[in-house]
Amino acid sequence: MADRTPICVGTIWLAAERFPDAGRIYERMRSMTKLLAHYGVRDYRRASTASRRLCRCDRCARLELALGRPVLVVDKHDGDAEGRRW
């Protein structure tokens, strides 16, 4: 939120086999870095791509935008120091 206006919506996908109970642990820690450290990931690398697309219905309401407005979508892929992605 910025000045009570929503500006960002995020979704993070983690492999359930590698990060069991990640949702519960994140609720307690409120930090992705701390969550990853909990599972032994001390360092990670990021590769990001960005593209513009029209806002989907589920996100428009959360961002208080009209359906079909352009938004910036960032798809990022992270992996540990050994190159294993999650």
PDB file of N, CA and C in Angstrom:
ATOM      1  N   MET A   1       0.837  -1.169   0.000  1.00  0.00           N
ATOM      2  CA  MET A   1       0.000   0.000   0.000  1.00  0.00           C
ATOM      3  C   MET A   1       0.894   1.249   0.000  1.00  0.00           C
ATOM      4  N   ALA A   2       0.451   2.242  -0.717  1.00  0.00           N
ATOM      5  CA  ALA A   2       1.092   3.555  -0.713  1.00  0.00           C
ATOM      6  C   ALA A   2      -0.030   4.584  -0.599  1.00  0.00           C
ATOM      7  N   ASP A   3      -0.002   5.369   0.448  1.00  0.00           N
ATOM      8  CA  ASP A   3      -1.087   6.326   0.694  1.00  0.00           C
ATOM      9  C   ASP A   3      -2.451   5.640   0.625  1.00  0.00           C
ATOM     10  N   ARG A   4      -2.543   4.465   1.251  1.00  0.00           N
ATOM     11  CA  ARG A   4      -3.777   3.673   1.310  1.00  0.00           C
ATOM     12  C   ARG A   4      -4.256   3.169  -0.050  1.00  0.00           C
ATOM     13  N   THR A   5      -3.364   3.158  -1.045  1.00  0.00           N
ATOM     14  CA  THR A   5      -3.687   2.634  -2.375  1.00  0.00           C
ATOM     15  C   THR A   5      -2.868   1.370  -2.608  1.00  0.00           C
ATOM     16  N   PRO A   6      -3.527   0.256  -2.954  1.00  0.00           N
ATOM     17  CA  PRO A   6      -2.758  -0.964  -3.220  1.00  0.00           C
ATOM     18  C   PRO A   6      -1.888  -0.793  -4.465  1.00  0.00           C
ATOM     19  N   ILE A   7      -0.627  -1.187  -4.351  1.00  0.00           N
ATOM     20  CA  ILE A   7       0.300  -1.031  -5.481  1.00  0.00           C
ATOM     21  C   ILE A   7       0.966  -2.338  -5.891  1.00  0.00           C
ATOM     22  N   CYS A   8       0.770  -3.403  -5.116  1.00  0.00           N
ATOM     23  CA  CYS A   8       1.477  -4.638  -5.422  1.00  0.00           C
ATOM     24  C   CYS A   8       0.690  -5.840  -4.917  1.00  0.00           C
ATOM     25  N   VAL A   9       0.687  -6.891  -5.703  1.00  0.00           N
ATOM     26  CA  VAL A   9       0.134  -8.183  -5.306  1.00  0.00           C
ATOM     27  C   VAL A   9       1.198  -9.212  -5.646  1.00  0.00           C
ATOM     28  N   GLY A  10       1.485 -10.112  -4.738  1.00  0.00           N
ATOM     29  CA  GLY A  10       2.523 -11.099  -4.993  1.00  0.00           C
ATOM     30  C   GLY A  10       2.074 -12.510  -4.673  1.00  0.00           C
ATOM     31  N   THR A  11       2.623 -13.448  -5.410  1.00  0.00           N
ATOM     32  CA  THR A  11       2.394 -14.867  -5.179  1.00  0.00           C
ATOM     33  C   THR A  11       3.739 -15.571  -5.258  1.00  0.00           C
ATOM     34  N   ILE A  12       4.034 -16.389  -4.286  1.00  0.00           N
ATOM     35  CA  ILE A  12       5.284 -17.145  -4.273  1.00  0.00           C
ATOM     36  C   ILE A  12       4.927 -18.623  -4.268  1.00  0.00           C
ATOM     37  N   TRP A  13       5.557 -19.372  -5.163  1.00  0.00           N
ATOM     38  CA  TRP A  13       5.341 -20.808  -5.248  1.00  0.00           C
ATOM     39  C   TRP A  13       6.604 -21.510  -4.772  1.00  0.00           C
ATOM     40  N   LEU A  14       6.449 -22.426  -3.832  1.00  0.00           N
ATOM     41  CA  LEU A  14       7.560 -23.222  -3.320  1.00  0.00           C
ATOM     42  C   LEU A  14       7.215 -24.700  -3.456  1.00  0.00           C
ATOM     43  N   ALA A  15       8.233 -25.523  -3.704  1.00  0.00           N
ATOM     44  CA  ALA A  15       8.024 -26.968  -3.812  1.00  0.00           C
ATOM     45  C   ALA A  15       7.679 -27.539  -2.436  1.00  0.00           C
ATOM     46  N   ALA A  16       6.517 -28.173  -2.320  1.00  0.00           N
ATOM     47  CA  ALA A  16       6.055 -28.711  -1.037  1.00  0.00           C
ATOM     48  C   ALA A  16       7.013 -29.767  -0.485  1.00  0.00           C
ATOM     49  N   GLU A  17       7.643 -30.536  -1.368  1.00  0.00           N
ATOM     50  CA  GLU A  17       8.563 -31.585  -0.914  1.00  0.00           C
ATOM     51  C   GLU A  17       9.790 -30.981  -0.231  1.00  0.00           C
ATOM     52  N   ARG A  18      10.269 -29.873  -0.755  1.00  0.00           N
ATOM     53  CA  ARG A  18      11.478 -29.247  -0.218  1.00  0.00           C
ATOM     54  C   ARG A  18      11.169 -28.296   0.941  1.00  0.00           C
ATOM     55  N   PHE A  19       9.989 -27.702   0.924  1.00  0.00           N
ATOM     56  CA  PHE A  19       9.626 -26.703   1.924  1.00  0.00           C
ATOM     57  C   PHE A  19       8.292 -27.058   2.598  1.00  0.00           C
ATOM     58  N   PRO A  20       8.236 -28.201   3.305  1.00  0.00           N
ATOM     59  CA  PRO A  20       6.977 -28.578   3.952  1.00  0.00           C
ATOM     60  C   PRO A  20       6.586 -27.554   5.024  1.00  0.00           C
ATOM     61  N   ASP A  21       5.301 -27.278   5.107  1.00  0.00           N
ATOM     62  CA  ASP A  21       4.752 -26.334   6.084  1.00  0.00           C
ATOM     63  C   ASP A  21       5.276 -24.908   5.909  1.00  0.00           C
ATOM     64  N   ALA A  22       5.692 -24.543   4.704  1.00  0.00           N
ATOM     65  CA  ALA A  22       6.259 -23.211   4.466  1.00  0.00           C
ATOM     66  C   ALA A  22       5.263 -22.097   4.798  1.00  0.00           C
ATOM     67  N   GLY A  23       4.001 -22.295   4.503  1.00  0.00           N
ATOM     68  CA  GLY A  23       3.000 -21.275   4.787  1.00  0.00           C
ATOM     69  C   GLY A  23       2.891 -20.986   6.271  1.00  0.00           C
ATOM     70  N   ARG A  24       2.851 -22.020   7.064  1.00  0.00           N
ATOM     71  CA  ARG A  24       2.761 -21.860   8.511  1.00  0.00           C
ATOM     72  C   ARG A  24       4.019 -21.187   9.060  1.00  0.00           C
ATOM     73  N   ILE A  25       5.159 -21.590   8.565  1.00  0.00           N
ATOM     74  CA  ILE A  25       6.424 -21.018   9.031  1.00  0.00           C
ATOM     75  C   ILE A  25       6.547 -19.561   8.596  1.00  0.00           C
ATOM     76  N   TYR A  26       6.116 -19.246   7.380  1.00  0.00           N
ATOM     77  CA  TYR A  26       6.169 -17.861   6.917  1.00  0.00           C
ATOM     78  C   TYR A  26       5.268 -16.965   7.781  1.00  0.00           C
ATOM     79  N   GLU A  27       4.105 -17.451   8.138  1.00  0.00           N
ATOM     80  CA  GLU A  27       3.210 -16.664   8.994  1.00  0.00           C
ATOM     81  C   GLU A  27       3.895 -16.250  10.284  1.00  0.00           C
ATOM     82  N   ARG A  28       4.722 -17.126  10.811  1.00  0.00           N
ATOM     83  CA  ARG A  28       5.429 -16.835  12.060  1.00  0.00           C
ATOM     84  C   ARG A  28       6.632 -15.907  11.830  1.00  0.00           C
ATOM     85  N   MET A  29       7.389 -16.120  10.749  1.00  0.00           N
ATOM     86  CA  MET A  29       8.628 -15.384  10.511  1.00  0.00           C
ATOM     87  C   MET A  29       8.433 -14.081   9.738  1.00  0.00           C
ATOM     88  N   ARG A  30       7.447 -14.052   8.833  1.00  0.00           N
ATOM     89  CA  ARG A  30       7.159 -12.868   8.006  1.00  0.00           C
ATOM     90  C   ARG A  30       8.369 -12.392   7.206  1.00  0.00           C
ATOM     91  N   SER A  31       9.199 -13.328   6.757  1.00  0.00           N
ATOM     92  CA  SER A  31      10.388 -12.991   5.984  1.00  0.00           C
ATOM     93  C   SER A  31      10.757 -14.180   5.109  1.00  0.00           C
ATOM     94  N   MET A  32      10.875 -13.951   3.797  1.00  0.00           N
ATOM     95  CA  MET A  32      11.287 -15.040   2.900  1.00  0.00           C
ATOM     96  C   MET A  32      12.721 -15.456   3.191  1.00  0.00           C
ATOM     97  N   THR A  33      13.595 -14.503   3.493  1.00  0.00           N
ATOM     98  CA  THR A  33      14.987 -14.833   3.801  1.00  0.00           C
ATOM     99  C   THR A  33      15.064 -15.741   5.018  1.00  0.00           C
ATOM    100  N   LYS A  34      14.298 -15.427   6.064  1.00  0.00           N
ATOM    101  CA  LYS A  34      14.285 -16.257   7.269  1.00  0.00           C
ATOM    102  C   LYS A  34      13.648 -17.611   6.990  1.00  0.00           C
ATOM    103  N   LEU A  35      12.605 -17.626   6.168  1.00  0.00           N
ATOM    104  CA  LEU A  35      11.963 -18.886   5.803  1.00  0.00           C
ATOM    105  C   LEU A  35      12.947 -19.795   5.083  1.00  0.00           C
ATOM    106  N   LEU A  36      13.645 -19.247   4.097  1.00  0.00           N
ATOM    107  CA  LEU A  36      14.621 -20.045   3.350  1.00  0.00           C
ATOM    108  C   LEU A  36      15.741 -20.534   4.268  1.00  0.00           C
ATOM    109  N   ALA A  37      16.221 -19.683   5.165  1.00  0.00           N
ATOM    110  CA  ALA A  37      17.266 -20.095   6.106  1.00  0.00           C
ATOM    111  C   ALA A  37      16.781 -21.233   6.994  1.00  0.00           C
ATOM    112  N   HIS A  38      15.502 -21.200   7.372  1.00  0.00           N
ATOM    113  CA  HIS A  38      14.913 -22.275   8.179  1.00  0.00           C
ATOM    114  C   HIS A  38      15.090 -23.625   7.492  1.00  0.00           C
ATOM    115  N   TYR A  39      15.027 -23.636   6.157  1.00  0.00           N
ATOM    116  CA  TYR A  39      15.177 -24.865   5.385  1.00  0.00           C
ATOM    117  C   TYR A  39      16.603 -25.079   4.897  1.00  0.00           C
ATOM    118  N   GLY A  40      17.547 -24.306   5.431  1.00  0.00           N
ATOM    119  CA  GLY A  40      18.952 -24.515   5.092  1.00  0.00           C
ATOM    120  C   GLY A  40      19.449 -23.760   3.883  1.00  0.00           C
ATOM    121  N   VAL A  41      18.625 -22.909   3.297  1.00  0.00           N
ATOM    122  CA  VAL A  41      19.055 -22.117   2.143  1.00  0.00           C
ATOM    123  C   VAL A  41      19.632 -20.811   2.681  1.00  0.00           C
ATOM    124  N   ARG A  42      20.943 -20.704   2.684  1.00  0.00           N
ATOM    125  CA  ARG A  42      21.617 -19.524   3.239  1.00  0.00           C
ATOM    126  C   ARG A  42      21.876 -18.460   2.183  1.00  0.00           C
ATOM    127  N   ASP A  43      21.926 -18.865   0.933  1.00  0.00           N
ATOM    128  CA  ASP A  43      22.221 -17.929  -0.147  1.00  0.00           C
ATOM    129  C   ASP A  43      21.368 -18.326  -1.345  1.00  0.00           C
ATOM    130  N   TYR A  44      20.944 -17.344  -2.114  1.00  0.00           N
ATOM    131  CA  TYR A  44      20.204 -17.651  -3.332  1.00  0.00           C
ATOM    132  C   TYR A  44      20.471 -16.607  -4.387  1.00  0.00           C
ATOM    133  N   ARG A  45      20.162 -16.984  -5.609  1.00  0.00           N
ATOM    134  CA  ARG A  45      20.375 -16.115  -6.751  1.00  0.00           C
ATOM    135  C   ARG A  45      19.028 -15.829  -7.404  1.00  0.00           C
ATOM    136  N   ARG A  46      18.906 -14.698  -8.044  1.00  0.00           N
ATOM    137  CA  ARG A  46      17.653 -14.323  -8.690  1.00  0.00           C
ATOM    138  C   ARG A  46      17.896 -13.970 -10.155  1.00  0.00           C
ATOM    139  N   ALA A  47      17.013 -14.462 -10.999  1.00  0.00           N
ATOM    140  CA  ALA A  47      16.971 -14.068 -12.410  1.00  0.00           C
ATOM    141  C   ALA A  47      15.539 -13.622 -12.668  1.00  0.00           C
ATOM    142  N   SER A  48      15.354 -12.405 -13.143  1.00  0.00           N
ATOM    143  CA  SER A  48      14.002 -11.872 -13.303  1.00  0.00           C
ATOM    144  C   SER A  48      13.730 -11.465 -14.734  1.00  0.00           C
ATOM    145  N   THR A  49      12.480 -11.572 -15.111  1.00  0.00           N
ATOM    146  CA  THR A  49      12.004 -11.034 -16.370  1.00  0.00           C
ATOM    147  C   THR A  49      10.749 -10.230 -16.074  1.00  0.00           C
ATOM    148  N   ALA A  50      10.512  -9.221 -16.856  1.00  0.00           N
ATOM    149  CA  ALA A  50       9.330  -8.392 -16.634  1.00  0.00           C
ATOM    150  C   ALA A  50       8.583  -8.230 -17.945  1.00  0.00           C
ATOM    151  N   SER A  51       7.284  -8.153 -17.844  1.00  0.00           N
ATOM    152  CA  SER A  51       6.473  -7.918 -19.032  1.00  0.00           C
ATOM    153  C   SER A  51       5.204  -7.186 -18.620  1.00  0.00           C
ATOM    154  N   ARG A  52       4.563  -6.572 -19.574  1.00  0.00           N
ATOM    155  CA  ARG A  52       3.315  -5.853 -19.336  1.00  0.00           C
ATOM    156  C   ARG A  52       2.177  -6.693 -19.888  1.00  0.00           C
ATOM    157  N   ARG A  53       1.096  -6.758 -19.145  1.00  0.00           N
ATOM    158  CA  ARG A  53      -0.087  -7.463 -19.640  1.00  0.00           C
ATOM    159  C   ARG A  53      -1.322  -6.792 -19.067  1.00  0.00           C
ATOM    160  N   LEU A  54      -2.465  -7.211 -19.521  1.00  0.00           N
ATOM    161  CA  LEU A  54      -3.714  -6.652 -19.016  1.00  0.00           C
ATOM    162  C   LEU A  54      -4.064  -7.315 -17.691  1.00  0.00           C
ATOM    163  N   CYS A  55      -4.612  -6.523 -16.804  1.00  0.00           N
ATOM    164  CA  CYS A  55      -4.942  -6.996 -15.460  1.00  0.00           C
ATOM    165  C   CYS A  55      -6.055  -8.037 -15.516  1.00  0.00           C
ATOM    166  N   ARG A  56      -5.838  -9.159 -14.825  1.00  0.00           N
ATOM    167  CA  ARG A  56      -6.853 -10.203 -14.726  1.00  0.00           C
ATOM    168  C   ARG A  56      -7.848  -9.848 -13.644  1.00  0.00           C
ATOM    169  N   CYS A  57      -9.007 -10.408 -13.739  1.00  0.00           N
ATOM    170  CA  CYS A  57     -10.113 -10.102 -12.828  1.00  0.00           C
ATOM    171  C   CYS A  57      -9.733 -10.259 -11.362  1.00  0.00           C
ATOM    172  N   ASP A  58      -9.057 -11.353 -11.000  1.00  0.00           N
ATOM    173  CA  ASP A  58      -8.733 -11.596  -9.593  1.00  0.00           C
ATOM    174  C   ASP A  58      -7.774 -10.557  -9.032  1.00  0.00           C
ATOM    175  N   ARG A  59      -6.881 -10.051  -9.863  1.00  0.00           N
ATOM    176  CA  ARG A  59      -5.921  -9.047  -9.391  1.00  0.00           C
ATOM    177  C   ARG A  59      -6.489  -7.634  -9.458  1.00  0.00           C
ATOM    178  N   CYS A  60      -7.347  -7.354 -10.424  1.00  0.00           N
ATOM    179  CA  CYS A  60      -7.906  -6.007 -10.570  1.00  0.00           C
ATOM    180  C   CYS A  60      -8.607  -5.549  -9.297  1.00  0.00           C
ATOM    181  N   ALA A  61      -9.403  -6.407  -8.720  1.00  0.00           N
ATOM    182  CA  ALA A  61     -10.135  -6.038  -7.508  1.00  0.00           C
ATOM    183  C   ALA A  61      -9.167  -5.739  -6.367  1.00  0.00           C
ATOM    184  N   ARG A  62      -8.127  -6.564  -6.206  1.00  0.00           N
ATOM    185  CA  ARG A  62      -7.171  -6.352  -5.119  1.00  0.00           C
ATOM    186  C   ARG A  62      -6.356  -5.079  -5.313  1.00  0.00           C
ATOM    187  N   LEU A  63      -6.138  -4.693  -6.563  1.00  0.00           N
ATOM    188  CA  LEU A  63      -5.362  -3.480  -6.848  1.00  0.00           C
ATOM    189  C   LEU A  63      -6.255  -2.262  -7.089  1.00  0.00           C
ATOM    190  N   GLU A  64      -7.559  -2.461  -6.992  1.00  0.00           N
ATOM    191  CA  GLU A  64      -8.526  -1.386  -7.219  1.00  0.00           C
ATOM    192  C   GLU A  64      -8.361  -0.769  -8.607  1.00  0.00           C
ATOM    193  N   LEU A  65      -8.197  -1.634  -9.614  1.00  0.00           N
ATOM    194  CA  LEU A  65      -8.056  -1.213 -11.009  1.00  0.00           C
ATOM    195  C   LEU A  65      -9.251  -1.695 -11.818  1.00  0.00           C
ATOM    196  N   ALA A  66      -9.533  -0.997 -12.894  1.00  0.00           N
ATOM    197  CA  ALA A  66     -10.572  -1.439 -13.818  1.00  0.00           C
ATOM    198  C   ALA A  66     -10.061  -2.660 -14.579  1.00  0.00           C
ATOM    199  N   LEU A  67     -10.956  -3.589 -14.852  1.00  0.00           N
ATOM    200  CA  LEU A  67     -10.618  -4.782 -15.611  1.00  0.00           C
ATOM    201  C   LEU A  67      -9.979  -4.394 -16.936  1.00  0.00           C
ATOM    202  N   GLY A  68      -8.874  -5.036 -17.279  1.00  0.00           N
ATOM    203  CA  GLY A  68      -8.212  -4.784 -18.548  1.00  0.00           C
ATOM    204  C   GLY A  68      -7.157  -3.694 -18.523  1.00  0.00           C
ATOM    205  N   ARG A  69      -6.943  -3.050 -17.371  1.00  0.00           N
ATOM    206  CA  ARG A  69      -5.889  -2.031 -17.274  1.00  0.00           C
ATOM    207  C   ARG A  69      -4.529  -2.707 -17.394  1.00  0.00           C
ATOM    208  N   PRO A  70      -3.561  -2.063 -18.029  1.00  0.00           N
ATOM    209  CA  PRO A  70      -2.221  -2.660 -18.105  1.00  0.00           C
ATOM    210  C   PRO A  70      -1.532  -2.644 -16.745  1.00  0.00           C
ATOM    211  N   VAL A  71      -0.807  -3.709 -16.456  1.00  0.00           N
ATOM    212  CA  VAL A  71      -0.037  -3.812 -15.217  1.00  0.00           C
ATOM    213  C   VAL A  71       1.344  -4.381 -15.550  1.00  0.00           C
ATOM    214  N   LEU A  72       2.301  -4.143 -14.691  1.00  0.00           N
ATOM    215  CA  LEU A  72       3.627  -4.722 -14.833  1.00  0.00           C
ATOM    216  C   LEU A  72       3.641  -6.043 -14.081  1.00  0.00           C
ATOM    217  N   VAL A  73       3.974  -7.100 -14.775  1.00  0.00           N
ATOM    218  CA  VAL A  73       4.056  -8.425 -14.181  1.00  0.00           C
ATOM    219  C   VAL A  73       5.519  -8.833 -14.172  1.00  0.00           C
ATOM    220  N   VAL A  74       6.032  -9.204 -13.012  1.00  0.00           N
ATOM    221  CA  VAL A  74       7.420  -9.627 -12.891  1.00  0.00           C
ATOM    222  C   VAL A  74       7.433 -11.105 -12.533  1.00  0.00           C
ATOM    223  N   ASP A  75       7.976 -11.902 -13.409  1.00  0.00           N
ATOM    224  CA  ASP A  75       8.165 -13.324 -13.136  1.00  0.00           C
ATOM    225  C   ASP A  75       9.616 -13.500 -12.725  1.00  0.00           C
ATOM    226  N   LYS A  76       9.830 -13.967 -11.501  1.00  0.00           N
ATOM    227  CA  LYS A  76      11.195 -14.165 -11.050  1.00  0.00           C
ATOM    228  C   LYS A  76      11.393 -15.618 -10.673  1.00  0.00           C
ATOM    229  N   HIS A  77      12.576 -16.081 -10.909  1.00  0.00           N
ATOM    230  CA  HIS A  77      12.921 -17.462 -10.593  1.00  0.00           C
ATOM    231  C   HIS A  77      14.156 -17.435  -9.716  1.00  0.00           C
ATOM    232  N   ASP A  78      14.052 -18.039  -8.544  1.00  0.00           N
ATOM    233  CA  ASP A  78      15.156 -18.071  -7.595  1.00  0.00           C
ATOM    234  C   ASP A  78      15.683 -19.487  -7.490  1.00  0.00           C
ATOM    235  N   GLY A  79      16.926 -19.596  -7.067  1.00  0.00           N
ATOM    236  CA  GLY A  79      17.541 -20.890  -6.824  1.00  0.00           C
ATOM    237  C   GLY A  79      18.637 -20.749  -5.795  1.00  0.00           C
ATOM    238  N   ASP A  80      18.982 -21.873  -5.177  1.00  0.00           N
ATOM    239  CA  ASP A  80      20.024 -21.817  -4.157  1.00  0.00           C
ATOM    240  C   ASP A  80      21.402 -21.749  -4.811  1.00  0.00           C
ATOM    241  N   ALA A  81      22.450 -21.730  -3.988  1.00  0.00           N
ATOM    242  CA  ALA A  81      23.819 -21.593  -4.485  1.00  0.00           C
ATOM    243  C   ALA A  81      24.221 -22.748  -5.391  1.00  0.00           C
ATOM    244  N   GLU A  82      23.566 -23.897  -5.221  1.00  0.00           N
ATOM    245  CA  GLU A  82      23.851 -25.067  -6.064  1.00  0.00           C
ATOM    246  C   GLU A  82      23.051 -25.052  -7.366  1.00  0.00           C
ATOM    247  N   GLY A  83      22.205 -24.047  -7.538  1.00  0.00           N
ATOM    248  CA  GLY A  83      21.420 -23.924  -8.765  1.00  0.00           C
ATOM    249  C   GLY A  83      20.080 -24.627  -8.727  1.00  0.00           C
ATOM    250  N   ARG A  84      19.691 -25.191  -7.585  1.00  0.00           N
ATOM    251  CA  ARG A  84      18.377 -25.832  -7.482  1.00  0.00           C
ATOM    252  C   ARG A  84      17.317 -24.762  -7.323  1.00  0.00           C
ATOM    253  N   ARG A  85      16.323 -24.787  -8.206  1.00  0.00           N
ATOM    254  CA  ARG A  85      15.242 -23.804  -8.152  1.00  0.00           C
ATOM    255  C   ARG A  85      14.116 -24.278  -7.263  1.00  0.00           C
ATOM    256  N   TRP A  86      13.338 -23.317  -6.855  1.00  0.00           N
ATOM    257  CA  TRP A  86      12.118 -23.644  -6.134  1.00  0.00           C
ATOM    258  C   TRP A  86      11.016 -22.905  -6.778  1.00  0.00           C
TER     259      TRP A  86
END
